[in-house]
Amino acid sequence: MSDTIQNEKFVELNYKVIDQKTGDVLVTVDYPLGYVHGVNDVLSEHVTKQLDGKKAGDIIEIPVDTKLLYGERDESLVFTDRIENVPEEYREIGMTITMENEKGEPRNFIVTRFDDKTLTVDGNNPLCGRDVVFRLEVLTVREATDEEIDLGGAVDADPDLNEILSRA
């Protein structure tokens, strides 16, 4: 029985997304991400290939081209409005506001700055336009149960997985 990552092994890992220029941690998980390797597509094929053969305790860093994930930064998705036009509950840096376009399609905008006169929101993904590295720490590698293979992950897992990894 091998303790290295390969298809149909249950894997748990932690990850961080780090800005290559500043070294700042942009995203981190508060709980381990568990999945069945080669069955669940929570990780892109690019990341999966990098994890093949790794074992518990291994740490890998994978540079990710955010232009491939999110496209070029679109300045038309940045809006500034007078502060009095924005409800007080949205006047917080990092607050997510969901708005709909004329077709009724939702898009999330994040409050990026405000002062006593204006508030600015940005509809670009927060990683858009950045050079980032995904830092993955392998916590567990074990045989997956039949039920985990059927589900692609832990039996009691939260199905709302972070979409950043699925496109990395």
C-alpha atoms as a PDB file:
ATOM      1  CA  MET A   1       0.000   0.000   0.000  1.00  0.00           C
ATOM      2  CA  SER A   2       1.573   3.244  -1.165  1.00  0.00           C
ATOM      3  CA  ASP A   3       1.303   6.490   0.774  1.00  0.00           C
ATOM      4  CA  THR A   4       2.018   8.594  -2.312  1.00  0.00           C
ATOM      5  CA  ILE A   5      -0.591  10.562  -4.217  1.00  0.00           C
ATOM      6  CA  GLN A   6      -2.031   8.623  -7.135  1.00  0.00           C
ATOM      7  CA  ASN A   7      -5.462   8.025  -8.635  1.00  0.00           C
ATOM      8  CA  GLU A   8      -8.201   6.997  -6.215  1.00  0.00           C
ATOM      9  CA  LYS A   9      -6.217   8.047  -3.134  1.00  0.00           C
ATOM     10  CA  PHE A  10      -7.914  10.322  -0.612  1.00  0.00           C
ATOM     11  CA  VAL A  11      -5.813  13.473  -0.182  1.00  0.00           C
ATOM     12  CA  GLU A  12      -6.107  16.336   2.280  1.00  0.00           C
ATOM     13  CA  LEU A  13      -4.140  19.508   1.819  1.00  0.00           C
ATOM     14  CA  ASN A  14      -3.892  23.114   2.884  1.00  0.00           C
ATOM     15  CA  TYR A  15      -3.188  25.831   0.402  1.00  0.00           C
ATOM     16  CA  LYS A  16      -2.267  29.471   0.210  1.00  0.00           C
ATOM     17  CA  VAL A  17      -2.197  31.841  -2.724  1.00  0.00           C
ATOM     18  CA  ILE A  18       0.827  34.132  -2.474  1.00  0.00           C
ATOM     19  CA  ASP A  19       1.517  37.323  -4.448  1.00  0.00           C
ATOM     20  CA  GLN A  20       4.911  36.767  -6.103  1.00  0.00           C
ATOM     21  CA  LYS A  21       5.853  40.462  -6.046  1.00  0.00           C
ATOM     22  CA  THR A  22       4.992  41.296  -2.439  1.00  0.00           C
ATOM     23  CA  GLY A  23       5.028  37.890  -0.747  1.00  0.00           C
ATOM     24  CA  ASP A  24       1.615  38.709   0.742  1.00  0.00           C
ATOM     25  CA  VAL A  25      -0.765  35.808   1.381  1.00  0.00           C
ATOM     26  CA  LEU A  26      -3.854  36.640  -0.679  1.00  0.00           C
ATOM     27  CA  VAL A  27      -5.952  33.532   0.007  1.00  0.00           C
ATOM     28  CA  THR A  28      -5.714  30.782   2.576  1.00  0.00           C
ATOM     29  CA  VAL A  29      -7.996  27.944   3.666  1.00  0.00           C
ATOM     30  CA  ASP A  30      -9.311  27.683   7.199  1.00  0.00           C
ATOM     31  CA  TYR A  31      -9.803  23.917   6.934  1.00  0.00           C
ATOM     32  CA  PRO A  32      -8.072  21.173   4.957  1.00  0.00           C
ATOM     33  CA  LEU A  33      -9.326  20.524   1.448  1.00  0.00           C
ATOM     34  CA  GLY A  34     -10.083  16.805   0.978  1.00  0.00           C
ATOM     35  CA  TYR A  35     -10.623  15.131  -2.368  1.00  0.00           C
ATOM     36  CA  VAL A  36     -10.099  11.844  -4.201  1.00  0.00           C
ATOM     37  CA  HIS A  37      -7.161  12.190  -6.579  1.00  0.00           C
ATOM     38  CA  GLY A  38      -8.014  11.532 -10.224  1.00  0.00           C
ATOM     39  CA  VAL A  39     -11.754  11.422  -9.461  1.00  0.00           C
ATOM     40  CA  ASN A  40     -12.664  14.904  -8.230  1.00  0.00           C
ATOM     41  CA  ASP A  41     -11.877  17.879 -10.471  1.00  0.00           C
ATOM     42  CA  VAL A  42     -11.606  20.348  -7.573  1.00  0.00           C
ATOM     43  CA  LEU A  43      -8.011  20.749  -8.728  1.00  0.00           C
ATOM     44  CA  SER A  44      -7.072  21.514 -12.296  1.00  0.00           C
ATOM     45  CA  GLU A  45      -5.135  18.967 -14.315  1.00  0.00           C
ATOM     46  CA  HIS A  46      -2.089  21.285 -14.104  1.00  0.00           C
ATOM     47  CA  VAL A  47      -2.129  21.112 -10.291  1.00  0.00           C
ATOM     48  CA  THR A  48      -3.028  17.408 -10.195  1.00  0.00           C
ATOM     49  CA  LYS A  49       0.018  16.516 -12.283  1.00  0.00           C
ATOM     50  CA  GLN A  50       2.243  18.433  -9.856  1.00  0.00           C
ATOM     51  CA  LEU A  51       0.799  16.459  -6.918  1.00  0.00           C
ATOM     52  CA  ASP A  52       1.285  13.015  -8.461  1.00  0.00           C
ATOM     53  CA  GLY A  53       3.782  11.017  -6.378  1.00  0.00           C
ATOM     54  CA  LYS A  54       3.836  13.470  -3.451  1.00  0.00           C
ATOM     55  CA  LYS A  55       3.263  12.277   0.116  1.00  0.00           C
ATOM     56  CA  ALA A  56       2.118  13.665   3.469  1.00  0.00           C
ATOM     57  CA  GLY A  57       4.438  16.441   4.601  1.00  0.00           C
ATOM     58  CA  ASP A  58       5.422  17.529   1.081  1.00  0.00           C
ATOM     59  CA  ILE A  59       5.012  21.189   0.172  1.00  0.00           C
ATOM     60  CA  ILE A  60       4.934  22.347  -3.427  1.00  0.00           C
ATOM     61  CA  GLU A  61       4.660  25.765  -4.994  1.00  0.00           C
ATOM     62  CA  ILE A  62       2.972  26.164  -8.373  1.00  0.00           C
ATOM     63  CA  PRO A  63       3.092  29.474 -10.268  1.00  0.00           C
ATOM     64  CA  VAL A  64      -0.308  30.253 -11.783  1.00  0.00           C
ATOM     65  CA  ASP A  65      -1.004  32.570 -14.701  1.00  0.00           C
ATOM     66  CA  THR A  66      -4.076  34.519 -13.563  1.00  0.00           C
ATOM     67  CA  LYS A  67      -4.603  35.780 -17.122  1.00  0.00           C
ATOM     68  CA  LEU A  68      -5.442  32.210 -18.130  1.00  0.00           C
ATOM     69  CA  LEU A  69      -7.820  31.879 -15.189  1.00  0.00           C
ATOM     70  CA  TYR A  70      -9.580  35.227 -15.221  1.00  0.00           C
ATOM     71  CA  GLY A  71      -8.514  37.020 -18.404  1.00  0.00           C
ATOM     72  CA  GLU A  72      -7.079  40.506 -18.560  1.00  0.00           C
ATOM     73  CA  ARG A  73      -8.081  43.039 -15.937  1.00  0.00           C
ATOM     74  CA  ASP A  74     -11.174  44.957 -17.124  1.00  0.00           C
ATOM     75  CA  GLU A  75     -11.212  48.556 -15.883  1.00  0.00           C
ATOM     76  CA  SER A  76     -14.847  48.914 -17.054  1.00  0.00           C
ATOM     77  CA  LEU A  77     -15.741  46.726 -14.039  1.00  0.00           C
ATOM     78  CA  VAL A  78     -14.459  49.355 -11.589  1.00  0.00           C
ATOM     79  CA  PHE A  79     -17.044  51.878 -10.405  1.00  0.00           C
ATOM     80  CA  THR A  80     -16.840  54.840  -8.057  1.00  0.00           C
ATOM     81  CA  ASP A  81     -19.960  56.475  -6.648  1.00  0.00           C
ATOM     82  CA  ARG A  82     -20.734  59.177  -4.119  1.00  0.00           C
ATOM     83  CA  ILE A  83     -20.793  57.734  -0.625  1.00  0.00           C
ATOM     84  CA  GLU A  84     -24.325  58.969   0.093  1.00  0.00           C
ATOM     85  CA  ASN A  85     -25.610  56.698  -2.741  1.00  0.00           C
ATOM     86  CA  VAL A  86     -24.245  53.598  -1.006  1.00  0.00           C
ATOM     87  CA  PRO A  87     -26.051  52.009   1.982  1.00  0.00           C
ATOM     88  CA  GLU A  88     -23.951  52.092   5.159  1.00  0.00           C
ATOM     89  CA  GLU A  89     -23.777  48.287   5.441  1.00  0.00           C
ATOM     90  CA  TYR A  90     -21.660  48.228   2.250  1.00  0.00           C
ATOM     91  CA  ARG A  91     -19.129  50.793   3.426  1.00  0.00           C
ATOM     92  CA  GLU A  92     -16.421  48.306   4.373  1.00  0.00           C
ATOM     93  CA  ILE A  93     -13.249  47.338   2.501  1.00  0.00           C
ATOM     94  CA  GLY A  94     -13.557  43.751   1.247  1.00  0.00           C
ATOM     95  CA  MET A  95     -17.371  43.720   1.391  1.00  0.00           C
ATOM     96  CA  THR A  96     -18.880  41.764  -1.509  1.00  0.00           C
ATOM     97  CA  ILE A  97     -21.857  43.296  -3.284  1.00  0.00           C
ATOM     98  CA  THR A  98     -23.767  41.211  -5.833  1.00  0.00           C
ATOM     99  CA  MET A  99     -25.272  43.195  -8.701  1.00  0.00           C
ATOM    100  CA  GLU A 100     -27.111  42.142 -11.836  1.00  0.00           C
ATOM    101  CA  ASN A 101     -26.542  43.359 -15.367  1.00  0.00           C
ATOM    102  CA  GLU A 102     -29.359  44.234 -17.782  1.00  0.00           C
ATOM    103  CA  LYS A 103     -29.756  40.517 -18.603  1.00  0.00           C
ATOM    104  CA  GLY A 104     -30.254  39.648 -14.933  1.00  0.00           C
ATOM    105  CA  GLU A 105     -26.873  37.903 -14.674  1.00  0.00           C
ATOM    106  CA  PRO A 106     -25.251  38.298 -11.230  1.00  0.00           C
ATOM    107  CA  ARG A 107     -21.671  39.504 -10.718  1.00  0.00           C
ATOM    108  CA  ASN A 108     -19.823  40.046  -7.467  1.00  0.00           C
ATOM    109  CA  PHE A 109     -18.143  43.390  -6.838  1.00  0.00           C
ATOM    110  CA  ILE A 110     -15.748  43.973  -3.977  1.00  0.00           C
ATOM    111  CA  VAL A 111     -15.425  47.277  -2.138  1.00  0.00           C
ATOM    112  CA  THR A 112     -11.801  48.266  -2.690  1.00  0.00           C
ATOM    113  CA  ARG A 113     -11.766  51.732  -1.147  1.00  0.00           C
ATOM    114  CA  PHE A 114     -13.924  54.456   0.301  1.00  0.00           C
ATOM    115  CA  ASP A 115     -13.595  57.754   2.065  1.00  0.00           C
ATOM    116  CA  ASP A 116     -16.027  60.398   3.293  1.00  0.00           C
ATOM    117  CA  LYS A 117     -16.971  61.341  -0.305  1.00  0.00           C
ATOM    118  CA  THR A 118     -16.759  58.215  -2.527  1.00  0.00           C
ATOM    119  CA  LEU A 119     -16.836  54.417  -2.578  1.00  0.00           C
ATOM    120  CA  THR A 120     -15.172  52.221  -5.238  1.00  0.00           C
ATOM    121  CA  VAL A 121     -16.137  48.649  -6.168  1.00  0.00           C
ATOM    122  CA  ASP A 122     -14.277  46.274  -8.477  1.00  0.00           C
ATOM    123  CA  GLY A 123     -15.902  43.413 -10.420  1.00  0.00           C
ATOM    124  CA  ASN A 124     -12.599  41.825 -11.414  1.00  0.00           C
ATOM    125  CA  ASN A 125     -11.490  38.713  -9.569  1.00  0.00           C
ATOM    126  CA  PRO A 126      -9.187  39.855  -6.729  1.00  0.00           C
ATOM    127  CA  LEU A 127      -6.339  37.767  -8.191  1.00  0.00           C
ATOM    128  CA  CYS A 128      -6.751  39.242 -11.669  1.00  0.00           C
ATOM    129  CA  GLY A 129      -3.585  40.898 -12.930  1.00  0.00           C
ATOM    130  CA  ARG A 130      -1.360  39.454 -10.198  1.00  0.00           C
ATOM    131  CA  ASP A 131       1.533  37.028 -10.435  1.00  0.00           C
ATOM    132  CA  VAL A 132       0.682  34.360  -7.880  1.00  0.00           C
ATOM    133  CA  VAL A 133       1.972  31.071  -6.526  1.00  0.00           C
ATOM    134  CA  PHE A 134      -0.240  28.366  -5.078  1.00  0.00           C
ATOM    135  CA  ARG A 135       1.528  26.819  -2.070  1.00  0.00           C
ATOM    136  CA  LEU A 136       0.099  23.382  -1.320  1.00  0.00           C
ATOM    137  CA  GLU A 137       0.923  21.366   1.793  1.00  0.00           C
ATOM    138  CA  VAL A 138      -0.024  17.686   1.648  1.00  0.00           C
ATOM    139  CA  LEU A 139      -1.489  16.684   5.017  1.00  0.00           C
ATOM    140  CA  THR A 140      -2.908  13.196   4.401  1.00  0.00           C
ATOM    141  CA  VAL A 141      -2.672  10.495   1.745  1.00  0.00           C
ATOM    142  CA  ARG A 142      -4.605   7.270   2.250  1.00  0.00           C
ATOM    143  CA  GLU A 143      -6.725   4.710   0.458  1.00  0.00           C
ATOM    144  CA  ALA A 144     -10.105   6.191  -0.441  1.00  0.00           C
ATOM    145  CA  THR A 145     -13.228   4.287   0.536  1.00  0.00           C
ATOM    146  CA  ASP A 146     -15.663   3.211  -2.177  1.00  0.00           C
ATOM    147  CA  GLU A 147     -18.094   5.863  -0.944  1.00  0.00           C
ATOM    148  CA  GLU A 148     -15.415   8.586  -1.121  1.00  0.00           C
ATOM    149  CA  ILE A 149     -14.540   7.501  -4.671  1.00  0.00           C
ATOM    150  CA  ASP A 150     -18.215   7.739  -5.641  1.00  0.00           C
ATOM    151  CA  LEU A 151     -18.466  11.221  -4.089  1.00  0.00           C
ATOM    152  CA  GLY A 152     -15.013  12.423  -5.157  1.00  0.00           C
ATOM    153  CA  GLY A 153     -14.193  13.491  -1.613  1.00  0.00           C
ATOM    154  CA  ALA A 154     -14.890  13.122   2.074  1.00  0.00           C
ATOM    155  CA  VAL A 155     -18.338  11.769   2.881  1.00  0.00           C
ATOM    156  CA  ASP A 156     -19.165  14.670   5.214  1.00  0.00           C
ATOM    157  CA  ALA A 157     -17.472  17.386   3.108  1.00  0.00           C
ATOM    158  CA  ASP A 158     -18.937  20.814   2.456  1.00  0.00           C
ATOM    159  CA  PRO A 159     -19.775  20.807  -1.279  1.00  0.00           C
ATOM    160  CA  ASP A 160     -19.165  24.575  -1.560  1.00  0.00           C
ATOM    161  CA  LEU A 161     -15.475  24.300  -2.429  1.00  0.00           C
ATOM    162  CA  ASN A 162     -13.381  27.339  -3.186  1.00  0.00           C
ATOM    163  CA  GLU A 163     -13.642  27.993  -6.917  1.00  0.00           C
ATOM    164  CA  ILE A 164     -10.148  29.418  -7.129  1.00  0.00           C
ATOM    165  CA  LEU A 165      -8.525  25.992  -6.948  1.00  0.00           C
ATOM    166  CA  SER A 166     -10.865  24.443  -9.461  1.00  0.00           C
ATOM    167  CA  ARG A 167      -9.551  26.817 -12.083  1.00  0.00           C
ATOM    168  CA  ALA A 168      -5.911  26.923 -11.015  1.00  0.00           C
END
